[in-house]
Amino acid sequence: MLQYTGGTTGLAKGAMLTHGNLVANMLQVLACLGSARPRWQHPAAEGQEVMIAPLPLYHIYAFTANCMCMMVTGNHNVLITNPRDIPGFIKELGKWRFSALLGLNTLLWRIDGPPGFRQLDFSALKVTNSGGTALVKATAERWRSAYRVSHCRRLRPDRNLAGGQHQPLWPAARLGTVGIPVAGTAFKVIDDDGNELPLGERGELCIKGPQVMKGYWQKP
């Protein structure tokens, strides 16, 4: 699959993802979601979860979590085609007893404010997942205190184009960091000359794992 980069410098590049890359990352992300609560993705719950999908499925974040993870487990996605229409977004949420909400920092901050949002039924909500950009502390604390849910934050570096790390759930989460590696993934930090640096040093983060892409299409 050619997964084109977003939020990159210059023209978008086609990341070459193999069948093995996609399946490995799907299993890694399912393991992260499975830590939200004991009954999330429990065999008895398969086909009963409802995840809100307000992000475009052509982005690797929603493609993996919604298009792959929810379909392989037989669960339900609710696609929000225009999340910028906040009143329409809130109206659609009112139709569902949803158990998960995928989003990013800006979106989570914007929807928690307009009239009617806090009156929605959040009794089934187990996890709110934020990715794509930094989750600021104010947004995380606001959601945690208002809705009593677990938060898992993942960051996907442009160079591997699939989930590489995630934030542990509360209270172990450390906001302001990229979190810990997902299953089967190794990290190291190098300097400008490619030398590995000790813990605590600033440098370039390198990732090794079954989800790392083959390279960029026609761009060695």
N, C-alpha and C. Protein backbone atom coordinates (compact mmCIF):
# COMPACT_ATOMS: atom_id res chain seq x y z
N MET A 1 0.85 -1.18 0.00
CA MET A 1 0.00 0.00 0.00
C MET A 1 0.89 1.24 0.00
N LEU A 2 0.47 2.26 -0.77
CA LEU A 2 1.16 3.54 -0.73
C LEU A 2 0.39 4.48 0.18
N GLN A 3 0.97 4.78 1.35
CA GLN A 3 0.35 5.65 2.34
C GLN A 3 1.07 7.00 2.27
N TYR A 4 0.37 8.01 1.79
CA TYR A 4 1.03 9.30 1.59
C TYR A 4 1.13 10.09 2.89
N THR A 5 2.29 10.74 3.05
CA THR A 5 2.60 11.45 4.28
C THR A 5 1.77 12.72 4.39
N GLY A 6 1.48 13.10 5.63
CA GLY A 6 0.82 14.36 5.93
C GLY A 6 1.67 15.12 6.93
N GLY A 7 1.53 16.44 6.96
CA GLY A 7 2.30 17.25 7.90
C GLY A 7 3.79 17.15 7.65
N THR A 8 4.17 17.00 6.39
CA THR A 8 5.58 16.83 6.05
C THR A 8 6.08 18.05 5.30
N THR A 9 7.40 18.20 5.20
CA THR A 9 7.97 19.30 4.43
C THR A 9 8.02 18.91 2.96
N GLY A 10 7.79 19.89 2.08
CA GLY A 10 7.83 19.60 0.65
C GLY A 10 6.62 18.80 0.21
N LEU A 11 6.75 18.13 -0.93
CA LEU A 11 5.66 17.33 -1.47
C LEU A 11 5.44 16.07 -0.64
N ALA A 12 4.18 15.62 -0.57
CA ALA A 12 3.87 14.37 0.13
C ALA A 12 4.61 13.21 -0.54
N LYS A 13 5.04 12.26 0.28
CA LYS A 13 5.78 11.09 -0.21
C LYS A 13 4.97 9.83 0.05
N GLY A 14 5.04 8.89 -0.90
CA GLY A 14 4.30 7.64 -0.74
C GLY A 14 5.10 6.64 0.06
N ALA A 15 4.67 6.36 1.29
CA ALA A 15 5.34 5.36 2.12
C ALA A 15 4.87 3.97 1.69
N MET A 16 5.82 3.09 1.41
CA MET A 16 5.48 1.73 0.97
C MET A 16 5.27 0.84 2.19
N LEU A 17 4.03 0.45 2.43
CA LEU A 17 3.68 -0.42 3.55
C LEU A 17 3.29 -1.79 3.03
N THR A 18 3.95 -2.81 3.54
CA THR A 18 3.67 -4.17 3.10
C THR A 18 2.46 -4.74 3.87
N HIS A 19 1.97 -5.87 3.39
CA HIS A 19 0.90 -6.57 4.10
C HIS A 19 1.35 -6.88 5.53
N GLY A 20 2.62 -7.30 5.68
CA GLY A 20 3.15 -7.59 7.01
C GLY A 20 3.21 -6.36 7.90
N ASN A 21 3.60 -5.21 7.34
CA ASN A 21 3.60 -3.95 8.10
C ASN A 21 2.21 -3.66 8.67
N LEU A 22 1.20 -3.76 7.81
CA LEU A 22 -0.16 -3.39 8.20
C LEU A 22 -0.73 -4.34 9.25
N VAL A 23 -0.53 -5.64 9.06
CA VAL A 23 -1.06 -6.61 10.02
C VAL A 23 -0.35 -6.47 11.37
N ALA A 24 0.98 -6.30 11.34
CA ALA A 24 1.74 -6.14 12.59
C ALA A 24 1.26 -4.92 13.36
N ASN A 25 1.08 -3.80 12.68
CA ASN A 25 0.67 -2.58 13.37
C ASN A 25 -0.76 -2.68 13.88
N MET A 26 -1.61 -3.36 13.13
CA MET A 26 -2.98 -3.57 13.58
C MET A 26 -2.98 -4.32 14.91
N LEU A 27 -2.17 -5.37 15.02
CA LEU A 27 -2.10 -6.14 16.26
C LEU A 27 -1.49 -5.32 17.39
N GLN A 28 -0.49 -4.48 17.07
CA GLN A 28 0.13 -3.63 18.08
C GLN A 28 -0.87 -2.62 18.65
N VAL A 29 -1.66 -2.01 17.77
CA VAL A 29 -2.63 -1.01 18.20
C VAL A 29 -3.76 -1.68 18.99
N LEU A 30 -4.20 -2.85 18.57
CA LEU A 30 -5.22 -3.57 19.33
C LEU A 30 -4.75 -3.88 20.74
N ALA A 31 -3.45 -4.18 20.89
CA ALA A 31 -2.91 -4.44 22.22
C ALA A 31 -2.96 -3.19 23.08
N CYS A 32 -2.69 -2.02 22.47
CA CYS A 32 -2.78 -0.75 23.22
C CYS A 32 -4.22 -0.49 23.65
N LEU A 33 -5.17 -0.67 22.75
CA LEU A 33 -6.57 -0.46 23.09
C LEU A 33 -7.04 -1.45 24.14
N GLY A 34 -6.49 -2.65 24.10
CA GLY A 34 -6.90 -3.68 25.04
C GLY A 34 -6.53 -3.38 26.47
N SER A 35 -5.60 -2.43 26.68
CA SER A 35 -5.21 -2.09 28.05
C SER A 35 -6.13 -1.05 28.67
N ALA A 36 -7.12 -0.56 27.90
CA ALA A 36 -7.99 0.50 28.40
C ALA A 36 -8.84 0.01 29.57
N ARG A 37 -9.47 -1.12 29.40
CA ARG A 37 -10.26 -1.73 30.46
C ARG A 37 -10.29 -3.24 30.20
N PRO A 38 -10.47 -4.04 31.23
CA PRO A 38 -10.46 -5.49 31.01
C PRO A 38 -11.48 -5.95 29.98
N ARG A 39 -12.62 -5.27 29.87
CA ARG A 39 -13.64 -5.78 28.96
C ARG A 39 -13.50 -5.22 27.55
N TRP A 40 -12.60 -4.22 27.34
CA TRP A 40 -12.41 -3.71 25.97
C TRP A 40 -11.70 -4.78 25.14
N GLN A 41 -12.30 -5.12 24.02
CA GLN A 41 -11.79 -6.15 23.12
C GLN A 41 -11.72 -7.53 23.77
N HIS A 42 -12.40 -7.72 24.89
CA HIS A 42 -12.56 -9.06 25.44
C HIS A 42 -13.36 -9.86 24.42
N PRO A 43 -13.05 -11.17 24.25
CA PRO A 43 -13.78 -11.95 23.24
C PRO A 43 -15.29 -11.80 23.29
N ALA A 44 -15.83 -11.65 24.50
CA ALA A 44 -17.29 -11.52 24.62
C ALA A 44 -17.78 -10.17 24.12
N ALA A 45 -16.86 -9.18 24.03
CA ALA A 45 -17.25 -7.83 23.62
C ALA A 45 -17.04 -7.58 22.14
N GLU A 46 -16.43 -8.50 21.43
CA GLU A 46 -16.20 -8.28 20.01
C GLU A 46 -17.53 -8.10 19.29
N GLY A 47 -17.57 -7.11 18.42
CA GLY A 47 -18.79 -6.81 17.70
C GLY A 47 -19.72 -5.89 18.45
N GLN A 48 -19.35 -5.47 19.68
CA GLN A 48 -20.22 -4.64 20.49
C GLN A 48 -19.66 -3.24 20.74
N GLU A 49 -18.40 -3.00 20.38
CA GLU A 49 -17.82 -1.69 20.59
C GLU A 49 -18.25 -0.73 19.48
N VAL A 50 -18.38 0.54 19.82
CA VAL A 50 -18.72 1.59 18.86
C VAL A 50 -17.68 2.69 18.97
N MET A 51 -16.91 2.89 17.90
CA MET A 51 -15.85 3.91 17.91
C MET A 51 -16.23 5.05 16.97
N ILE A 52 -16.11 6.27 17.49
CA ILE A 52 -16.36 7.46 16.69
C ILE A 52 -15.13 7.76 15.85
N ALA A 53 -15.34 7.98 14.54
CA ALA A 53 -14.23 8.21 13.60
C ALA A 53 -14.38 9.59 12.95
N PRO A 54 -13.86 10.65 13.59
CA PRO A 54 -14.01 11.99 13.03
C PRO A 54 -12.82 12.42 12.17
N LEU A 55 -11.89 11.51 11.91
CA LEU A 55 -10.71 11.84 11.13
C LEU A 55 -10.74 11.10 9.79
N PRO A 56 -10.11 11.65 8.74
CA PRO A 56 -10.15 11.00 7.42
C PRO A 56 -9.42 9.66 7.41
N LEU A 57 -10.03 8.68 6.77
CA LEU A 57 -9.47 7.34 6.75
C LEU A 57 -8.25 7.21 5.85
N TYR A 58 -7.96 8.23 5.04
CA TYR A 58 -6.73 8.18 4.24
C TYR A 58 -5.50 8.54 5.06
N HIS A 59 -5.70 8.99 6.31
CA HIS A 59 -4.58 9.25 7.21
C HIS A 59 -4.28 7.97 7.97
N ILE A 60 -3.00 7.67 8.18
CA ILE A 60 -2.59 6.39 8.77
C ILE A 60 -3.17 6.18 10.17
N TYR A 61 -3.40 7.27 10.90
CA TYR A 61 -3.94 7.18 12.26
C TYR A 61 -5.33 6.54 12.24
N ALA A 62 -6.26 7.17 11.52
CA ALA A 62 -7.63 6.63 11.45
C ALA A 62 -7.69 5.35 10.63
N PHE A 63 -6.83 5.24 9.62
CA PHE A 63 -6.82 4.02 8.80
C PHE A 63 -6.53 2.79 9.67
N THR A 64 -5.53 2.91 10.56
CA THR A 64 -5.16 1.78 11.41
C THR A 64 -6.20 1.51 12.49
N ALA A 65 -6.56 2.56 13.24
CA ALA A 65 -7.44 2.36 14.40
C ALA A 65 -8.88 2.06 13.99
N ASN A 66 -9.39 2.80 13.03
CA ASN A 66 -10.79 2.62 12.62
C ASN A 66 -10.95 1.58 11.51
N CYS A 67 -10.30 1.83 10.38
CA CYS A 67 -10.53 0.99 9.21
C CYS A 67 -10.03 -0.43 9.42
N MET A 68 -8.92 -0.61 10.14
CA MET A 68 -8.36 -1.95 10.32
C MET A 68 -8.76 -2.58 11.65
N CYS A 69 -8.47 -1.91 12.76
CA CYS A 69 -8.69 -2.53 14.07
C CYS A 69 -10.16 -2.82 14.36
N MET A 70 -11.03 -1.87 14.03
CA MET A 70 -12.44 -2.07 14.35
C MET A 70 -13.08 -3.08 13.40
N MET A 71 -12.63 -3.11 12.14
CA MET A 71 -13.22 -4.07 11.21
C MET A 71 -12.80 -5.49 11.51
N VAL A 72 -11.52 -5.68 11.87
CA VAL A 72 -11.04 -7.04 12.10
C VAL A 72 -11.68 -7.66 13.35
N THR A 73 -12.14 -6.80 14.27
CA THR A 73 -12.80 -7.31 15.47
C THR A 73 -14.32 -7.28 15.35
N GLY A 74 -14.81 -6.87 14.17
CA GLY A 74 -16.25 -6.87 13.96
C GLY A 74 -16.98 -5.77 14.70
N ASN A 75 -16.27 -4.72 15.07
CA ASN A 75 -16.90 -3.61 15.79
C ASN A 75 -17.38 -2.53 14.83
N HIS A 76 -18.01 -1.51 15.38
CA HIS A 76 -18.72 -0.52 14.57
C HIS A 76 -18.00 0.82 14.57
N ASN A 77 -17.81 1.38 13.37
CA ASN A 77 -17.28 2.74 13.23
C ASN A 77 -18.41 3.69 12.89
N VAL A 78 -18.38 4.87 13.48
CA VAL A 78 -19.30 5.95 13.11
C VAL A 78 -18.46 7.04 12.47
N LEU A 79 -18.54 7.18 11.15
CA LEU A 79 -17.72 8.13 10.42
C LEU A 79 -18.35 9.52 10.48
N ILE A 80 -17.60 10.48 11.01
CA ILE A 80 -18.02 11.87 11.02
C ILE A 80 -17.35 12.54 9.82
N THR A 81 -18.13 12.82 8.78
CA THR A 81 -17.54 13.29 7.52
C THR A 81 -17.08 14.74 7.58
N ASN A 82 -17.67 15.54 8.47
CA ASN A 82 -17.26 16.94 8.59
C ASN A 82 -17.16 17.33 10.06
N PRO A 83 -16.04 16.98 10.72
CA PRO A 83 -15.90 17.28 12.15
C PRO A 83 -15.81 18.77 12.44
N ARG A 84 -15.58 19.60 11.42
CA ARG A 84 -15.53 21.05 11.64
C ARG A 84 -16.92 21.62 11.92
N ASP A 85 -17.95 20.87 11.52
CA ASP A 85 -19.33 21.25 11.83
C ASP A 85 -19.65 20.74 13.23
N ILE A 86 -19.25 21.51 14.23
CA ILE A 86 -19.36 21.06 15.62
C ILE A 86 -20.81 20.76 16.03
N PRO A 87 -21.79 21.62 15.73
CA PRO A 87 -23.18 21.29 16.09
C PRO A 87 -23.64 19.98 15.44
N GLY A 88 -23.27 19.77 14.17
CA GLY A 88 -23.65 18.53 13.50
C GLY A 88 -22.95 17.33 14.11
N PHE A 89 -21.69 17.51 14.50
CA PHE A 89 -20.90 16.47 15.16
C PHE A 89 -21.58 16.04 16.46
N ILE A 90 -21.95 17.02 17.27
CA ILE A 90 -22.58 16.73 18.56
C ILE A 90 -23.94 16.04 18.35
N LYS A 91 -24.69 16.49 17.34
CA LYS A 91 -25.98 15.87 17.05
C LYS A 91 -25.82 14.40 16.69
N GLU A 92 -24.79 14.08 15.88
CA GLU A 92 -24.54 12.69 15.50
C GLU A 92 -24.13 11.84 16.70
N LEU A 93 -23.31 12.42 17.59
CA LEU A 93 -22.89 11.68 18.80
C LEU A 93 -24.09 11.31 19.67
N GLY A 94 -25.11 12.17 19.64
CA GLY A 94 -26.29 11.91 20.44
C GLY A 94 -27.08 10.69 20.01
N LYS A 95 -26.79 10.15 18.82
CA LYS A 95 -27.50 8.99 18.31
C LYS A 95 -26.88 7.66 18.75
N TRP A 96 -25.68 7.74 19.37
CA TRP A 96 -24.92 6.52 19.62
C TRP A 96 -24.51 6.40 21.08
N ARG A 97 -24.45 5.16 21.56
CA ARG A 97 -23.87 4.88 22.87
C ARG A 97 -22.45 4.37 22.59
N PHE A 98 -21.54 5.30 22.41
CA PHE A 98 -20.20 4.97 21.91
C PHE A 98 -19.25 4.63 23.04
N SER A 99 -18.30 3.73 22.73
CA SER A 99 -17.34 3.27 23.74
C SER A 99 -15.93 3.79 23.52
N ALA A 100 -15.67 4.41 22.36
CA ALA A 100 -14.35 4.96 22.10
C ALA A 100 -14.47 6.15 21.16
N LEU A 101 -13.56 7.09 21.34
CA LEU A 101 -13.55 8.30 20.51
C LEU A 101 -12.11 8.57 20.08
N LEU A 102 -11.92 8.58 18.78
CA LEU A 102 -10.61 8.88 18.21
C LEU A 102 -10.56 10.37 17.89
N GLY A 103 -9.43 11.01 18.12
CA GLY A 103 -9.35 12.44 17.81
C GLY A 103 -7.93 12.94 17.89
N LEU A 104 -7.82 14.25 17.88
CA LEU A 104 -6.54 14.91 18.09
C LEU A 104 -6.77 16.11 19.00
N ASN A 105 -5.71 16.69 19.50
CA ASN A 105 -5.81 17.69 20.56
C ASN A 105 -6.78 18.82 20.23
N THR A 106 -6.63 19.42 19.04
CA THR A 106 -7.48 20.55 18.67
C THR A 106 -8.96 20.17 18.66
N LEU A 107 -9.26 19.02 18.10
CA LEU A 107 -10.65 18.57 18.01
C LEU A 107 -11.23 18.29 19.39
N LEU A 108 -10.48 17.60 20.24
CA LEU A 108 -10.97 17.27 21.58
C LEU A 108 -11.24 18.54 22.39
N TRP A 109 -10.44 19.57 22.17
CA TRP A 109 -10.64 20.83 22.89
C TRP A 109 -11.88 21.56 22.36
N ARG A 110 -12.07 21.55 21.04
CA ARG A 110 -13.16 22.31 20.42
C ARG A 110 -14.53 21.74 20.74
N ILE A 111 -14.66 20.41 20.73
CA ILE A 111 -15.99 19.83 20.91
C ILE A 111 -16.44 19.86 22.37
N ASP A 112 -15.50 19.97 23.31
CA ASP A 112 -15.86 20.00 24.73
C ASP A 112 -16.08 21.46 25.15
N GLY A 113 -17.20 22.00 24.83
CA GLY A 113 -17.47 23.39 25.14
C GLY A 113 -18.84 23.84 24.66
N PRO A 114 -19.17 23.57 23.37
CA PRO A 114 -20.47 24.01 22.84
C PRO A 114 -21.64 23.40 23.61
N PRO A 115 -22.79 24.09 23.57
CA PRO A 115 -23.98 23.59 24.28
C PRO A 115 -24.36 22.17 23.82
N GLY A 116 -24.72 21.37 24.77
CA GLY A 116 -25.21 20.04 24.48
C GLY A 116 -24.18 18.94 24.57
N PHE A 117 -22.88 19.28 24.51
CA PHE A 117 -21.89 18.22 24.48
C PHE A 117 -21.82 17.45 25.79
N ARG A 118 -21.77 18.16 26.90
CA ARG A 118 -21.64 17.47 28.19
C ARG A 118 -22.93 16.78 28.62
N GLN A 119 -24.02 17.03 27.88
CA GLN A 119 -25.27 16.34 28.18
C GLN A 119 -25.40 15.02 27.43
N LEU A 120 -24.41 14.71 26.58
CA LEU A 120 -24.43 13.44 25.86
C LEU A 120 -24.22 12.27 26.82
N ASP A 121 -24.57 11.07 26.36
CA ASP A 121 -24.42 9.86 27.17
C ASP A 121 -22.98 9.33 27.05
N PHE A 122 -22.19 9.51 28.10
CA PHE A 122 -20.81 9.04 28.11
C PHE A 122 -20.65 7.78 28.97
N SER A 123 -21.74 7.16 29.34
CA SER A 123 -21.67 6.04 30.27
C SER A 123 -20.93 4.84 29.70
N ALA A 124 -20.88 4.71 28.37
CA ALA A 124 -20.20 3.56 27.76
C ALA A 124 -18.78 3.88 27.33
N LEU A 125 -18.37 5.16 27.45
CA LEU A 125 -17.06 5.57 26.95
C LEU A 125 -15.93 4.98 27.80
N LYS A 126 -15.03 4.24 27.16
CA LYS A 126 -13.92 3.58 27.84
C LYS A 126 -12.59 4.26 27.57
N VAL A 127 -12.39 4.75 26.36
CA VAL A 127 -11.09 5.31 26.02
C VAL A 127 -11.25 6.44 25.01
N THR A 128 -10.48 7.50 25.22
CA THR A 128 -10.35 8.57 24.25
C THR A 128 -8.91 8.57 23.77
N ASN A 129 -8.74 8.46 22.47
CA ASN A 129 -7.40 8.33 21.91
C ASN A 129 -7.04 9.60 21.14
N SER A 130 -5.90 10.18 21.47
CA SER A 130 -5.44 11.38 20.78
C SER A 130 -4.11 11.10 20.12
N GLY A 131 -3.95 11.54 18.87
CA GLY A 131 -2.70 11.28 18.16
C GLY A 131 -2.47 12.32 17.09
N GLY A 132 -1.42 12.11 16.30
CA GLY A 132 -1.14 13.00 15.19
C GLY A 132 -0.36 14.24 15.57
N THR A 133 -0.59 14.75 16.77
CA THR A 133 0.12 15.92 17.27
C THR A 133 0.12 15.85 18.79
N ALA A 134 0.83 16.73 19.43
CA ALA A 134 0.97 16.67 20.89
C ALA A 134 -0.36 16.87 21.60
N LEU A 135 -0.63 16.05 22.59
CA LEU A 135 -1.79 16.21 23.46
C LEU A 135 -1.35 17.07 24.63
N VAL A 136 -1.90 18.28 24.74
CA VAL A 136 -1.47 19.18 25.81
C VAL A 136 -2.14 18.80 27.12
N LYS A 137 -1.48 19.15 28.21
CA LYS A 137 -1.94 18.73 29.53
C LYS A 137 -3.34 19.24 29.84
N ALA A 138 -3.65 20.49 29.43
CA ALA A 138 -4.96 21.07 29.75
C ALA A 138 -6.09 20.26 29.13
N THR A 139 -5.90 19.81 27.89
CA THR A 139 -6.92 19.01 27.22
C THR A 139 -7.08 17.66 27.91
N ALA A 140 -5.97 17.01 28.20
CA ALA A 140 -6.02 15.69 28.84
C ALA A 140 -6.70 15.76 30.20
N GLU A 141 -6.33 16.75 31.02
CA GLU A 141 -6.91 16.88 32.35
C GLU A 141 -8.39 17.20 32.27
N ARG A 142 -8.76 18.03 31.30
CA ARG A 142 -10.16 18.41 31.14
C ARG A 142 -11.02 17.20 30.81
N TRP A 143 -10.55 16.35 29.91
CA TRP A 143 -11.31 15.16 29.56
C TRP A 143 -11.32 14.14 30.69
N ARG A 144 -10.20 13.98 31.34
CA ARG A 144 -10.12 12.98 32.42
C ARG A 144 -11.06 13.34 33.57
N SER A 145 -11.10 14.61 33.94
CA SER A 145 -11.94 15.03 35.06
C SER A 145 -13.41 15.06 34.69
N ALA A 146 -13.71 15.41 33.44
CA ALA A 146 -15.12 15.55 33.04
C ALA A 146 -15.77 14.22 32.72
N TYR A 147 -15.01 13.28 32.13
CA TYR A 147 -15.63 12.07 31.61
C TYR A 147 -15.11 10.78 32.22
N ARG A 148 -14.14 10.87 33.12
CA ARG A 148 -13.63 9.69 33.83
C ARG A 148 -13.22 8.58 32.88
N VAL A 149 -12.52 8.95 31.82
CA VAL A 149 -12.10 7.93 30.86
C VAL A 149 -10.59 7.78 30.88
N SER A 150 -10.12 6.68 30.30
CA SER A 150 -8.69 6.45 30.13
C SER A 150 -8.24 7.14 28.85
N HIS A 151 -7.00 7.59 28.83
CA HIS A 151 -6.47 8.25 27.65
C HIS A 151 -5.22 7.52 27.17
N CYS A 152 -5.13 7.30 25.89
CA CYS A 152 -3.95 6.69 25.29
C CYS A 152 -3.51 7.58 24.15
N ARG A 153 -2.27 8.04 24.18
CA ARG A 153 -1.80 8.92 23.13
C ARG A 153 -0.72 8.24 22.35
N ARG A 154 -0.83 8.24 21.02
CA ARG A 154 0.19 7.64 20.17
C ARG A 154 0.77 8.70 19.26
N LEU A 155 2.02 8.54 18.95
CA LEU A 155 2.69 9.44 18.02
C LEU A 155 3.29 8.62 16.90
N ARG A 156 3.06 9.01 15.66
CA ARG A 156 3.59 8.30 14.53
C ARG A 156 4.63 9.14 13.82
N PRO A 157 5.91 8.90 14.01
CA PRO A 157 6.93 9.67 13.30
C PRO A 157 6.78 9.48 11.79
N ASP A 158 7.11 10.52 11.04
CA ASP A 158 6.97 10.49 9.58
C ASP A 158 7.78 9.35 8.97
N ARG A 159 8.85 8.92 9.63
CA ARG A 159 9.74 7.94 9.01
C ARG A 159 9.26 6.50 9.10
N ASN A 160 8.31 6.21 9.96
CA ASN A 160 7.89 4.81 9.97
C ASN A 160 6.44 4.63 9.52
N LEU A 161 5.69 5.71 9.47
CA LEU A 161 4.35 5.70 8.90
C LEU A 161 3.47 4.59 9.44
N ALA A 162 3.56 4.33 10.68
CA ALA A 162 2.65 3.43 11.37
C ALA A 162 2.93 3.63 12.85
N GLY A 163 2.02 3.15 13.69
CA GLY A 163 2.17 3.41 15.12
C GLY A 163 3.47 2.84 15.67
N GLY A 164 4.28 3.68 16.29
CA GLY A 164 5.55 3.22 16.84
C GLY A 164 5.59 3.26 18.35
N GLN A 165 4.86 4.21 18.95
CA GLN A 165 4.86 4.32 20.41
C GLN A 165 3.52 4.85 20.89
N HIS A 166 3.29 4.72 22.19
CA HIS A 166 2.02 5.17 22.76
C HIS A 166 2.25 5.59 24.19
N GLN A 167 1.32 6.40 24.70
CA GLN A 167 1.35 6.77 26.10
C GLN A 167 0.61 5.72 26.91
N PRO A 168 1.18 5.27 28.03
CA PRO A 168 0.42 4.39 28.91
C PRO A 168 -0.81 5.12 29.42
N LEU A 169 -1.78 4.37 29.93
CA LEU A 169 -2.99 4.97 30.43
C LEU A 169 -2.75 5.60 31.79
N TRP A 170 -3.69 6.48 32.18
CA TRP A 170 -3.59 7.09 33.50
C TRP A 170 -3.55 6.00 34.57
N PRO A 171 -2.82 6.18 35.67
CA PRO A 171 -2.02 7.36 36.02
C PRO A 171 -0.56 7.28 35.57
N ALA A 172 -0.23 6.29 34.73
CA ALA A 172 1.17 6.11 34.33
C ALA A 172 1.60 7.04 33.20
N ALA A 173 0.65 7.69 32.54
CA ALA A 173 0.98 8.55 31.40
C ALA A 173 1.89 9.70 31.82
N ARG A 174 2.83 10.03 30.96
CA ARG A 174 3.72 11.18 31.19
C ARG A 174 3.56 12.13 30.01
N LEU A 175 2.66 13.10 30.16
CA LEU A 175 2.41 14.05 29.09
C LEU A 175 3.68 14.84 28.80
N GLY A 176 3.86 15.19 27.53
CA GLY A 176 5.06 15.91 27.13
C GLY A 176 6.15 14.98 26.65
N THR A 177 5.90 13.67 26.68
CA THR A 177 6.84 12.69 26.15
C THR A 177 6.15 11.92 25.03
N VAL A 178 6.93 11.18 24.23
CA VAL A 178 6.34 10.38 23.15
C VAL A 178 5.86 9.03 23.65
N GLY A 179 6.08 8.72 24.93
CA GLY A 179 5.58 7.47 25.48
C GLY A 179 6.58 6.33 25.34
N ILE A 180 6.05 5.12 25.30
CA ILE A 180 6.87 3.91 25.28
C ILE A 180 6.63 3.14 23.98
N PRO A 181 7.54 2.26 23.59
CA PRO A 181 7.36 1.51 22.35
C PRO A 181 6.15 0.58 22.41
N VAL A 182 5.51 0.39 21.27
CA VAL A 182 4.48 -0.64 21.17
C VAL A 182 5.19 -1.99 21.10
N ALA A 183 4.42 -3.07 21.18
CA ALA A 183 4.99 -4.42 21.22
C ALA A 183 5.89 -4.68 20.02
N GLY A 184 7.02 -5.35 20.27
CA GLY A 184 7.92 -5.76 19.20
C GLY A 184 8.72 -4.63 18.57
N THR A 185 8.83 -3.50 19.26
CA THR A 185 9.48 -2.32 18.69
C THR A 185 10.66 -1.89 19.57
N ALA A 186 11.77 -1.53 18.91
CA ALA A 186 12.97 -1.07 19.62
C ALA A 186 13.26 0.38 19.24
N PHE A 187 13.77 1.13 20.21
CA PHE A 187 14.15 2.54 20.01
C PHE A 187 15.64 2.71 20.25
N LYS A 188 16.21 3.72 19.59
CA LYS A 188 17.52 4.23 19.99
C LYS A 188 17.61 5.68 19.52
N VAL A 189 18.49 6.44 20.14
CA VAL A 189 18.72 7.83 19.77
C VAL A 189 20.14 7.97 19.27
N ILE A 190 20.31 8.66 18.12
CA ILE A 190 21.64 8.82 17.52
C ILE A 190 21.98 10.29 17.35
N ASP A 191 23.28 10.57 17.20
CA ASP A 191 23.71 11.94 16.93
C ASP A 191 23.80 12.17 15.42
N ASP A 192 24.31 13.33 15.02
CA ASP A 192 24.37 13.69 13.59
C ASP A 192 25.26 12.75 12.78
N ASP A 193 26.18 12.06 13.47
CA ASP A 193 27.09 11.15 12.77
C ASP A 193 26.62 9.69 12.82
N GLY A 194 25.44 9.45 13.39
CA GLY A 194 24.90 8.10 13.45
C GLY A 194 25.33 7.30 14.66
N ASN A 195 26.02 7.94 15.62
CA ASN A 195 26.46 7.24 16.83
C ASN A 195 25.32 7.17 17.84
N GLU A 196 25.17 6.00 18.46
CA GLU A 196 24.12 5.83 19.46
C GLU A 196 24.45 6.63 20.71
N LEU A 197 23.43 7.31 21.26
CA LEU A 197 23.61 8.16 22.43
C LEU A 197 23.04 7.48 23.68
N PRO A 198 23.56 7.81 24.85
CA PRO A 198 23.02 7.24 26.09
C PRO A 198 21.66 7.84 26.43
N LEU A 199 20.98 7.22 27.38
CA LEU A 199 19.67 7.70 27.82
C LEU A 199 19.76 9.14 28.31
N GLY A 200 18.77 9.93 27.97
CA GLY A 200 18.71 11.31 28.43
C GLY A 200 19.34 12.32 27.50
N GLU A 201 20.03 11.85 26.45
CA GLU A 201 20.67 12.77 25.51
C GLU A 201 19.72 13.13 24.37
N ARG A 202 19.88 14.35 23.84
CA ARG A 202 19.07 14.82 22.73
C ARG A 202 19.65 14.32 21.40
N GLY A 203 18.78 13.86 20.50
CA GLY A 203 19.24 13.38 19.20
C GLY A 203 18.08 12.95 18.34
N GLU A 204 18.36 12.15 17.33
CA GLU A 204 17.33 11.65 16.41
C GLU A 204 16.84 10.30 16.88
N LEU A 205 15.51 10.15 16.95
CA LEU A 205 14.92 8.89 17.39
C LEU A 205 14.82 7.92 16.23
N CYS A 206 15.37 6.73 16.40
CA CYS A 206 15.30 5.67 15.38
C CYS A 206 14.44 4.53 15.89
N ILE A 207 13.65 3.96 15.01
CA ILE A 207 12.70 2.92 15.39
C ILE A 207 12.92 1.67 14.54
N LYS A 208 12.87 0.51 15.18
CA LYS A 208 12.98 -0.76 14.49
C LYS A 208 11.81 -1.65 14.91
N GLY A 209 11.11 -2.21 13.94
CA GLY A 209 10.00 -3.08 14.27
C GLY A 209 9.30 -3.58 13.02
N PRO A 210 8.39 -4.54 13.16
CA PRO A 210 7.72 -5.13 12.00
C PRO A 210 6.77 -4.18 11.28
N GLN A 211 6.48 -3.02 11.88
CA GLN A 211 5.57 -2.07 11.26
C GLN A 211 6.29 -0.99 10.45
N VAL A 212 7.62 -0.97 10.49
CA VAL A 212 8.38 0.08 9.81
C VAL A 212 8.32 -0.13 8.29
N MET A 213 8.06 0.96 7.57
CA MET A 213 7.85 0.90 6.13
C MET A 213 9.10 0.42 5.38
N LYS A 214 8.90 0.02 4.11
CA LYS A 214 10.01 -0.40 3.26
C LYS A 214 10.82 0.81 2.76
N GLY A 215 10.17 1.93 2.62
CA GLY A 215 10.82 3.13 2.10
C GLY A 215 9.81 3.99 1.39
N TYR A 216 10.28 5.07 0.76
CA TYR A 216 9.39 5.95 0.01
C TYR A 216 9.33 5.53 -1.46
N TRP A 217 8.13 5.57 -2.03
CA TRP A 217 7.91 5.15 -3.41
C TRP A 217 8.70 6.03 -4.38
N GLN A 218 9.62 5.38 -5.13
CA GLN A 218 10.44 6.03 -6.13
C GLN A 218 11.26 7.20 -5.57
N LYS A 219 11.55 7.14 -4.28
CA LYS A 219 12.40 8.14 -3.64
C LYS A 219 13.36 7.42 -2.68
N PRO A 220 14.44 6.87 -3.20
CA PRO A 220 15.36 6.09 -2.35
C PRO A 220 15.89 6.93 -1.17
